[in-house]
C-alpha atoms as a PDB file:
ATOM      1  CA  UNK A   1      65.433  22.200-119.663  1.00  0.00           C
ATOM      2  CA  UNK A   2      64.285  19.767-117.089  1.00  0.00           C
ATOM      3  CA  UNK A   3      63.461  17.534-120.031  1.00  0.00           C
ATOM      4  CA  UNK A   4      67.199  17.776-121.278  1.00  0.00           C
ATOM      5  CA  UNK A   5      68.386  17.071-118.030  1.00  0.00           C
ATOM      6  CA  UNK A   6      66.325  14.058-117.359  1.00  0.00           C
ATOM      7  CA  UNK A   7      66.990  12.780-121.389  1.00  0.00           C
ATOM      8  CA  UNK A   8      70.529  13.042-120.655  1.00  0.00           C
ATOM      9  CA  UNK A   9      70.594  10.815-117.698  1.00  0.00           C
ATOM     10  CA  UNK A  10      67.969   8.439-119.407  1.00  0.00           C
ATOM     11  CA  UNK A  11      70.744   8.142-121.952  1.00  0.00           C
ATOM     12  CA  UNK A  12      73.379   7.144-119.316  1.00  0.00           C
ATOM     13  CA  UNK A  13      71.054   4.644-118.031  1.00  0.00           C
ATOM     14  CA  UNK A  14      72.921   1.343-117.262  1.00  0.00           C
ATOM     15  CA  UNK A  15      70.798  -1.869-116.018  1.00  0.00           C
ATOM     16  CA  UNK A  16      73.640  -3.467-114.353  1.00  0.00           C
ATOM     17  CA  UNK A  17      73.807  -0.614-111.886  1.00  0.00           C
ATOM     18  CA  UNK A  18      70.023  -0.190-111.503  1.00  0.00           C
ATOM     19  CA  UNK A  19      70.121  -3.813-109.694  1.00  0.00           C
ATOM     20  CA  UNK A  20      72.733  -2.729-107.522  1.00  0.00           C
ATOM     21  CA  UNK A  21      71.228   0.715-106.524  1.00  0.00           C
ATOM     22  CA  UNK A  22      67.734  -0.952-105.861  1.00  0.00           C
ATOM     23  CA  UNK A  23      69.619  -3.203-103.512  1.00  0.00           C
ATOM     24  CA  UNK A  24      72.149  -0.437-101.960  1.00  0.00           C
ATOM     25  CA  UNK A  25      69.682   2.076-101.363  1.00  0.00           C
ATOM     26  CA  UNK A  26      66.712  -0.504 -99.892  1.00  0.00           C
ATOM     27  CA  UNK A  27      63.997   0.036-101.980  1.00  0.00           C
ATOM     28  CA  UNK A  28      62.252  -3.135-101.118  1.00  0.00           C
ATOM     29  CA  UNK A  29      58.869  -3.417 -99.682  1.00  0.00           C
ATOM     30  CA  UNK A  30      58.682  -1.915 -96.045  1.00  0.00           C
ATOM     31  CA  UNK A  31      62.527  -0.609 -96.769  1.00  0.00           C
ATOM     32  CA  UNK A  32      63.422   2.686 -96.151  1.00  0.00           C
ATOM     33  CA  UNK A  33      63.619   3.865 -99.752  1.00  0.00           C
ATOM     34  CA  UNK A  34      60.935   1.696-100.899  1.00  0.00           C
ATOM     35  CA  UNK A  35      59.364   2.059-104.655  1.00  0.00           C
ATOM     36  CA  UNK A  36      62.454   4.419-105.281  1.00  0.00           C
ATOM     37  CA  UNK A  37      63.508   4.773-109.502  1.00  0.00           C
ATOM     38  CA  UNK A  38      67.009   4.849-110.833  1.00  0.00           C
ATOM     39  CA  UNK A  39      68.464   5.121-114.323  1.00  0.00           C
ATOM     40  CA  UNK A  40      71.768   3.814-112.580  1.00  0.00           C
ATOM     41  CA  UNK A  41      73.938   6.710-113.088  1.00  0.00           C
ATOM     42  CA  UNK A  42      77.100   7.098-111.052  1.00  0.00           C
ATOM     43  CA  UNK A  43      77.752  10.129-109.127  1.00  0.00           C
ATOM     44  CA  UNK A  44      80.667  11.534-111.041  1.00  0.00           C
ATOM     45  CA  UNK A  45      78.512  11.522-114.358  1.00  0.00           C
ATOM     46  CA  UNK A  46      75.729  13.262-112.445  1.00  0.00           C
ATOM     47  CA  UNK A  47      78.211  16.004-111.505  1.00  0.00           C
ATOM     48  CA  UNK A  48      79.148  16.523-114.939  1.00  0.00           C
ATOM     49  CA  UNK A  49      75.763  16.924-115.950  1.00  0.00           C
ATOM     50  CA  UNK A  50      74.996  19.483-112.996  1.00  0.00           C
ATOM     51  CA  UNK A  51      78.379  21.307-113.919  1.00  0.00           C
ATOM     52  CA  UNK A  52      76.950  21.483-117.586  1.00  0.00           C
ATOM     53  CA  UNK A  53      73.938  23.163-116.740  1.00  0.00           C
ATOM     54  CA  UNK A  54      74.562  24.856-113.876  1.00  0.00           C
ATOM     55  CA  UNK A  55      74.565  28.632-115.357  1.00  0.00           C
ATOM     56  CA  UNK A  56      71.458  27.779-117.529  1.00  0.00           C
ATOM     57  CA  UNK A  57      68.669  26.179-115.136  1.00  0.00           C
ATOM     58  CA  UNK A  58      66.429  28.234-113.197  1.00  0.00           C
ATOM     59  CA  UNK A  59      64.994  27.808-109.824  1.00  0.00           C
ATOM     60  CA  UNK A  60      61.386  26.966-111.715  1.00  0.00           C
ATOM     61  CA  UNK A  61      63.022  24.013-113.424  1.00  0.00           C
ATOM     62  CA  UNK A  62      64.850  23.088-110.251  1.00  0.00           C
ATOM     63  CA  UNK A  63      61.690  23.076-108.227  1.00  0.00           C
ATOM     64  CA  UNK A  64      60.148  20.371-111.223  1.00  0.00           C
ATOM     65  CA  UNK A  65      63.363  18.443-111.113  1.00  0.00           C
ATOM     66  CA  UNK A  66      63.898  17.778-107.095  1.00  0.00           C
ATOM     67  CA  UNK A  67      60.674  16.433-107.013  1.00  0.00           C
ATOM     68  CA  UNK A  68      60.918  13.686-109.847  1.00  0.00           C
ATOM     69  CA  UNK A  69      60.582   9.980-109.465  1.00  0.00           C
ATOM     70  CA  UNK A  70      63.865   9.113-110.698  1.00  0.00           C
ATOM     71  CA  UNK A  71      66.877   8.921-107.968  1.00  0.00           C
ATOM     72  CA  UNK A  72      69.527  10.578-110.168  1.00  0.00           C
ATOM     73  CA  UNK A  73      67.283  13.213-111.551  1.00  0.00           C
ATOM     74  CA  UNK A  74      66.803  14.498-107.646  1.00  0.00           C
ATOM     75  CA  UNK A  75      70.556  14.022-106.522  1.00  0.00           C
ATOM     76  CA  UNK A  76      71.718  15.666-109.992  1.00  0.00           C
ATOM     77  CA  UNK A  77      69.462  18.608-109.065  1.00  0.00           C
ATOM     78  CA  UNK A  78      70.738  18.743-105.354  1.00  0.00           C
ATOM     79  CA  UNK A  79      74.309  19.043-106.637  1.00  0.00           C
ATOM     80  CA  UNK A  80      73.230  21.561-108.828  1.00  0.00           C
ATOM     81  CA  UNK A  81      71.974  23.642-105.579  1.00  0.00           C
ATOM     82  CA  UNK A  82      75.191  23.043-103.662  1.00  0.00           C
ATOM     83  CA  UNK A  83      76.858  24.371-106.782  1.00  0.00           C
ATOM     84  CA  UNK A  84      74.838  27.230-106.844  1.00  0.00           C
ATOM     85  CA  UNK A  85      75.179  28.095-103.036  1.00  0.00           C
ATOM     86  CA  UNK A  86      78.819  28.333-103.251  1.00  0.00           C
ATOM     87  CA  UNK A  87      78.349  31.576-105.957  1.00  0.00           C
ATOM     88  CA  UNK A  88      74.971  32.770-105.048  1.00  0.00           C
ATOM     89  CA  UNK A  89      74.333  36.175-102.988  1.00  0.00           C
ATOM     90  CA  UNK A  90      72.516  36.575 -99.933  1.00  0.00           C
ATOM     91  CA  UNK A  91      69.139  36.596-101.687  1.00  0.00           C
ATOM     92  CA  UNK A  92      69.672  33.630-103.894  1.00  0.00           C
ATOM     93  CA  UNK A  93      70.740  31.953-100.675  1.00  0.00           C
ATOM     94  CA  UNK A  94      67.642  32.453 -98.974  1.00  0.00           C
ATOM     95  CA  UNK A  95      66.100  31.016-102.243  1.00  0.00           C
ATOM     96  CA  UNK A  96      67.963  27.862-102.181  1.00  0.00           C
ATOM     97  CA  UNK A  97      67.822  27.242 -98.464  1.00  0.00           C
ATOM     98  CA  UNK A  98      63.716  27.754 -98.449  1.00  0.00           C
ATOM     99  CA  UNK A  99      63.628  25.638-101.874  1.00  0.00           C
ATOM    100  CA  UNK A 100      65.382  22.706 -99.952  1.00  0.00           C
ATOM    101  CA  UNK A 101      63.381  23.256 -96.643  1.00  0.00           C
ATOM    102  CA  UNK A 102      60.221  23.028 -98.594  1.00  0.00           C
ATOM    103  CA  UNK A 103      61.157  19.726-100.395  1.00  0.00           C
ATOM    104  CA  UNK A 104      62.237  17.816 -97.677  1.00  0.00           C
ATOM    105  CA  UNK A 105      60.229  15.024 -98.587  1.00  0.00           C
ATOM    106  CA  UNK A 106      62.017  14.396-101.780  1.00  0.00           C
ATOM    107  CA  UNK A 107      64.898  14.372-100.146  1.00  0.00           C
ATOM    108  CA  UNK A 108      64.642  10.948 -99.179  1.00  0.00           C
ATOM    109  CA  UNK A 109      67.359   8.827 -99.189  1.00  0.00           C
ATOM    110  CA  UNK A 110      70.514   9.054 -97.098  1.00  0.00           C
ATOM    111  CA  UNK A 111      72.944   9.969 -99.947  1.00  0.00           C
ATOM    112  CA  UNK A 112      70.608  12.856-100.974  1.00  0.00           C
ATOM    113  CA  UNK A 113      70.861  14.209 -97.698  1.00  0.00           C
ATOM    114  CA  UNK A 114      74.558  13.707 -97.172  1.00  0.00           C
ATOM    115  CA  UNK A 115      75.497  15.457-100.369  1.00  0.00           C
ATOM    116  CA  UNK A 116      72.929  18.355 -99.850  1.00  0.00           C
ATOM    117  CA  UNK A 117      72.633  19.238 -96.046  1.00  0.00           C
ATOM    118  CA  UNK A 118      76.046  20.437 -95.055  1.00  0.00           C
ATOM    119  CA  UNK A 119      76.681  22.399 -97.967  1.00  0.00           C
ATOM    120  CA  UNK A 120      72.965  23.956 -98.256  1.00  0.00           C
ATOM    121  CA  UNK A 121      71.457  24.202 -94.587  1.00  0.00           C
ATOM    122  CA  UNK A 122      75.050  24.385 -92.777  1.00  0.00           C
ATOM    123  CA  UNK A 123      76.531  26.688 -94.820  1.00  0.00           C
ATOM    124  CA  UNK A 124      73.509  28.994 -94.990  1.00  0.00           C
ATOM    125  CA  UNK A 125      72.824  29.469 -91.341  1.00  0.00           C
ATOM    126  CA  UNK A 126      76.777  29.498 -90.565  1.00  0.00           C
ATOM    127  CA  UNK A 127      77.993  31.805 -93.140  1.00  0.00           C
ATOM    128  CA  UNK A 128      74.942  34.206 -92.507  1.00  0.00           C
ATOM    129  CA  UNK A 129      75.201  33.908 -88.594  1.00  0.00           C
ATOM    130  CA  UNK A 130      71.586  32.710 -88.107  1.00  0.00           C
ATOM    131  CA  UNK A 131      69.621  31.305 -85.549  1.00  0.00           C
ATOM    132  CA  UNK A 132      69.746  27.650 -85.992  1.00  0.00           C
ATOM    133  CA  UNK A 133      66.671  26.620 -84.441  1.00  0.00           C
ATOM    134  CA  UNK A 134      65.403  25.121 -87.723  1.00  0.00           C
ATOM    135  CA  UNK A 135      68.032  22.327 -86.824  1.00  0.00           C
ATOM    136  CA  UNK A 136      65.883  21.088 -83.310  1.00  0.00           C
ATOM    137  CA  UNK A 137      62.760  21.152 -85.381  1.00  0.00           C
ATOM    138  CA  UNK A 138      63.766  18.892 -87.636  1.00  0.00           C
ATOM    139  CA  UNK A 139      65.703  16.668 -85.077  1.00  0.00           C
ATOM    140  CA  UNK A 140      62.595  16.423 -83.649  1.00  0.00           C
ATOM    141  CA  UNK A 141      60.054  15.514 -86.485  1.00  0.00           C
ATOM    142  CA  UNK A 142      59.014  12.310 -87.131  1.00  0.00           C
ATOM    143  CA  UNK A 143      60.851  12.173 -90.400  1.00  0.00           C
ATOM    144  CA  UNK A 144      63.703  10.061 -90.633  1.00  0.00           C
ATOM    145  CA  UNK A 145      65.400  12.185 -93.473  1.00  0.00           C
ATOM    146  CA  UNK A 146      64.693  15.543 -91.703  1.00  0.00           C
ATOM    147  CA  UNK A 147      66.087  14.488 -88.544  1.00  0.00           C
ATOM    148  CA  UNK A 148      69.162  13.257 -90.893  1.00  0.00           C
ATOM    149  CA  UNK A 149      69.547  16.287 -92.759  1.00  0.00           C
ATOM    150  CA  UNK A 150      69.361  18.179 -89.036  1.00  0.00           C
ATOM    151  CA  UNK A 151      72.456  16.385 -87.925  1.00  0.00           C
ATOM    152  CA  UNK A 152      74.541  16.216 -91.029  1.00  0.00           C
ATOM    153  CA  UNK A 153      74.066  19.989 -91.653  1.00  0.00           C
ATOM    154  CA  UNK A 154      76.321  20.249 -88.558  1.00  0.00           C
ATOM    155  CA  UNK A 155      79.380  18.703 -90.962  1.00  0.00           C
ATOM    156  CA  UNK A 156      79.670  22.516 -92.073  1.00  0.00           C
ATOM    157  CA  UNK A 157      79.742  23.828 -88.686  1.00  0.00           C
ATOM    158  CA  UNK A 158      82.521  21.187 -87.787  1.00  0.00           C
ATOM    159  CA  UNK A 159      84.726  22.152 -90.608  1.00  0.00           C
ATOM    160  CA  UNK A 160      84.560  25.578 -89.278  1.00  0.00           C
ATOM    161  CA  UNK A 161      85.611  24.432 -85.626  1.00  0.00           C
ATOM    162  CA  UNK A 162      82.203  24.543 -84.057  1.00  0.00           C
ATOM    163  CA  UNK A 163      80.956  21.717 -82.434  1.00  0.00           C
ATOM    164  CA  UNK A 164      78.269  22.911 -80.101  1.00  0.00           C
ATOM    165  CA  UNK A 165      75.263  22.174 -82.099  1.00  0.00           C
ATOM    166  CA  UNK A 166      76.508  18.715 -83.343  1.00  0.00           C
ATOM    167  CA  UNK A 167      76.837  17.660 -79.653  1.00  0.00           C
ATOM    168  CA  UNK A 168      73.372  19.172 -78.572  1.00  0.00           C
ATOM    169  CA  UNK A 169      71.758  17.388 -81.502  1.00  0.00           C
ATOM    170  CA  UNK A 170      73.205  14.002 -80.928  1.00  0.00           C
ATOM    171  CA  UNK A 171      71.557  14.187 -77.414  1.00  0.00           C
ATOM    172  CA  UNK A 172      68.591  14.580 -79.165  1.00  0.00           C
ATOM    173  CA  UNK A 173      69.026  11.609 -81.200  1.00  0.00           C
ATOM    174  CA  UNK A 174      70.901   9.730 -79.048  1.00  0.00           C
ATOM    175  CA  UNK A 175      68.177   7.184 -78.715  1.00  0.00           C
ATOM    176  CA  UNK A 176      66.864   6.691 -82.201  1.00  0.00           C
ATOM    177  CA  UNK A 177      65.439   3.556 -83.367  1.00  0.00           C
ATOM    178  CA  UNK A 178      66.779   3.881 -86.956  1.00  0.00           C
ATOM    179  CA  UNK A 179      70.443   2.390 -87.956  1.00  0.00           C
ATOM    180  CA  UNK A 180      70.652   5.495 -90.376  1.00  0.00           C
ATOM    181  CA  UNK A 181      70.583   8.064 -87.560  1.00  0.00           C
ATOM    182  CA  UNK A 182      73.143   5.807 -85.197  1.00  0.00           C
ATOM    183  CA  UNK A 183      75.706   5.902 -88.319  1.00  0.00           C
ATOM    184  CA  UNK A 184      75.037   9.597 -88.864  1.00  0.00           C
ATOM    185  CA  UNK A 185      75.145  10.636 -85.387  1.00  0.00           C
ATOM    186  CA  UNK A 186      78.337   8.619 -84.950  1.00  0.00           C
ATOM    187  CA  UNK A 187      80.213   9.855 -88.136  1.00  0.00           C
ATOM    188  CA  UNK A 188      79.462  13.588 -86.607  1.00  0.00           C
ATOM    189  CA  UNK A 189      80.886  12.724 -83.264  1.00  0.00           C
ATOM    190  CA  UNK A 190      83.826  11.103 -84.947  1.00  0.00           C
ATOM    191  CA  UNK A 191      84.388  13.993 -87.201  1.00  0.00           C
ATOM    192  CA  UNK A 192      84.273  16.368 -84.114  1.00  0.00           C
ATOM    193  CA  UNK A 193      86.502  14.109 -82.081  1.00  0.00           C
ATOM    194  CA  UNK A 194      89.295  14.487 -85.637  1.00  0.00           C
ATOM    195  CA  UNK A 195      89.294  18.263 -84.969  1.00  0.00           C
ATOM    196  CA  UNK A 196      89.084  18.243 -81.072  1.00  0.00           C
ATOM    197  CA  UNK A 197      89.732  14.693 -79.664  1.00  0.00           C
ATOM    198  CA  UNK A 198      88.953  16.151 -76.106  1.00  0.00           C
ATOM    199  CA  UNK A 199      85.065  17.106 -77.383  1.00  0.00           C
ATOM    200  CA  UNK A 200      84.284  13.788 -78.218  1.00  0.00           C
ATOM    201  CA  UNK A 201      85.863  12.028 -75.579  1.00  0.00           C
ATOM    202  CA  UNK A 202      84.256  13.960 -73.287  1.00  0.00           C
ATOM    203  CA  UNK A 203      80.845  13.425 -74.673  1.00  0.00           C
ATOM    204  CA  UNK A 204      81.312  10.091 -74.979  1.00  0.00           C
ATOM    205  CA  UNK A 205      82.521   9.109 -71.448  1.00  0.00           C
ATOM    206  CA  UNK A 206      79.116  10.895 -70.281  1.00  0.00           C
ATOM    207  CA  UNK A 207      76.868   9.031 -72.642  1.00  0.00           C
ATOM    208  CA  UNK A 208      78.096   6.211 -74.395  1.00  0.00           C
ATOM    209  CA  UNK A 209      76.355   3.700 -72.138  1.00  0.00           C
ATOM    210  CA  UNK A 210      72.997   4.674 -73.513  1.00  0.00           C
ATOM    211  CA  UNK A 211      74.224   4.899 -77.014  1.00  0.00           C
ATOM    212  CA  UNK A 212      73.374   2.307 -79.966  1.00  0.00           C
ATOM    213  CA  UNK A 213      76.140   0.237 -80.426  1.00  0.00           C
ATOM    214  CA  UNK A 214      76.684   1.355 -84.155  1.00  0.00           C
ATOM    215  CA  UNK A 215      76.529   5.040 -82.989  1.00  0.00           C
ATOM    216  CA  UNK A 216      79.423   4.333 -80.562  1.00  0.00           C
ATOM    217  CA  UNK A 217      81.463   2.493 -82.840  1.00  0.00           C
ATOM    218  CA  UNK A 218      81.182   5.092 -85.902  1.00  0.00           C
ATOM    219  CA  UNK A 219      82.189   7.623 -83.176  1.00  0.00           C
ATOM    220  CA  UNK A 220      85.230   6.184 -81.891  1.00  0.00           C
ATOM    221  CA  UNK A 221      86.477   4.754 -84.798  1.00  0.00           C
ATOM    222  CA  UNK A 222      89.627   6.781 -84.820  1.00  0.00           C
ATOM    223  CA  UNK A 223      90.383   6.387 -81.187  1.00  0.00           C
ATOM    224  CA  UNK A 224      93.648   4.318 -80.036  1.00  0.00           C
ATOM    225  CA  UNK A 225      92.593   0.981 -79.815  1.00  0.00           C
ATOM    226  CA  UNK A 226      93.026   0.875 -76.123  1.00  0.00           C
ATOM    227  CA  UNK A 227      90.426   3.718 -75.752  1.00  0.00           C
ATOM    228  CA  UNK A 228      87.987   2.103 -78.234  1.00  0.00           C
ATOM    229  CA  UNK A 229      88.203  -1.422 -76.648  1.00  0.00           C
ATOM    230  CA  UNK A 230      87.773   0.428 -73.403  1.00  0.00           C
ATOM    231  CA  UNK A 231      84.386   2.164 -74.686  1.00  0.00           C
ATOM    232  CA  UNK A 232      83.031  -1.029 -76.222  1.00  0.00           C
ATOM    233  CA  UNK A 233      83.746  -3.131 -72.804  1.00  0.00           C
ATOM    234  CA  UNK A 234      82.083  -0.189 -70.591  1.00  0.00           C
ATOM    235  CA  UNK A 235      85.169   0.333 -68.629  1.00  0.00           C
ATOM    236  CA  UNK A 236      85.939   3.880 -69.570  1.00  0.00           C
END
């Protein structure tokens, strides 16, 4: 099964897109995606393949595929896991959750995190009323992708009007040095604001002066222009 999925992705290889993806996902020396390999397959096509093999693929094969050297193989595998999570019983959900956490080294670019963390980690914790300490462990790790997993997982909570962990994790990550965390935290604060404007406004009013500029810009994107400018000028 693993070779079937890999070969199907390989047959869709697009050299023009490979060049674009290598630049887009920062695969050059010293960049965050250094050395990653691509077939140049779009996400919609990967979703079609994921749905095609969803019922046939077993967890042994998933464990192999999630560690594959090709970006699209890992992403297609994560898409499969998000689909499986929606239909899984509690035992299967736990297996998916643990498999995910045991392979964070391979969930190593922002798209891989963003497409999977909310619907696997976030969904499992929220729907089963579980302790969320794992998010704080991830946020306090030295791994950029685990830190992004922590904050992105809370998108599932936000969609269910639960903001407390987003705001707590935002504080933990507020002084992070990497742009990808600035964007992720700002994005989640914006999502909270879309649901509950006052929650984000109050948080920003208290903390915006120590936030990286990119984080602030993302967070206030949907505010009225007058309020946006007041935050940007430091006059709130």
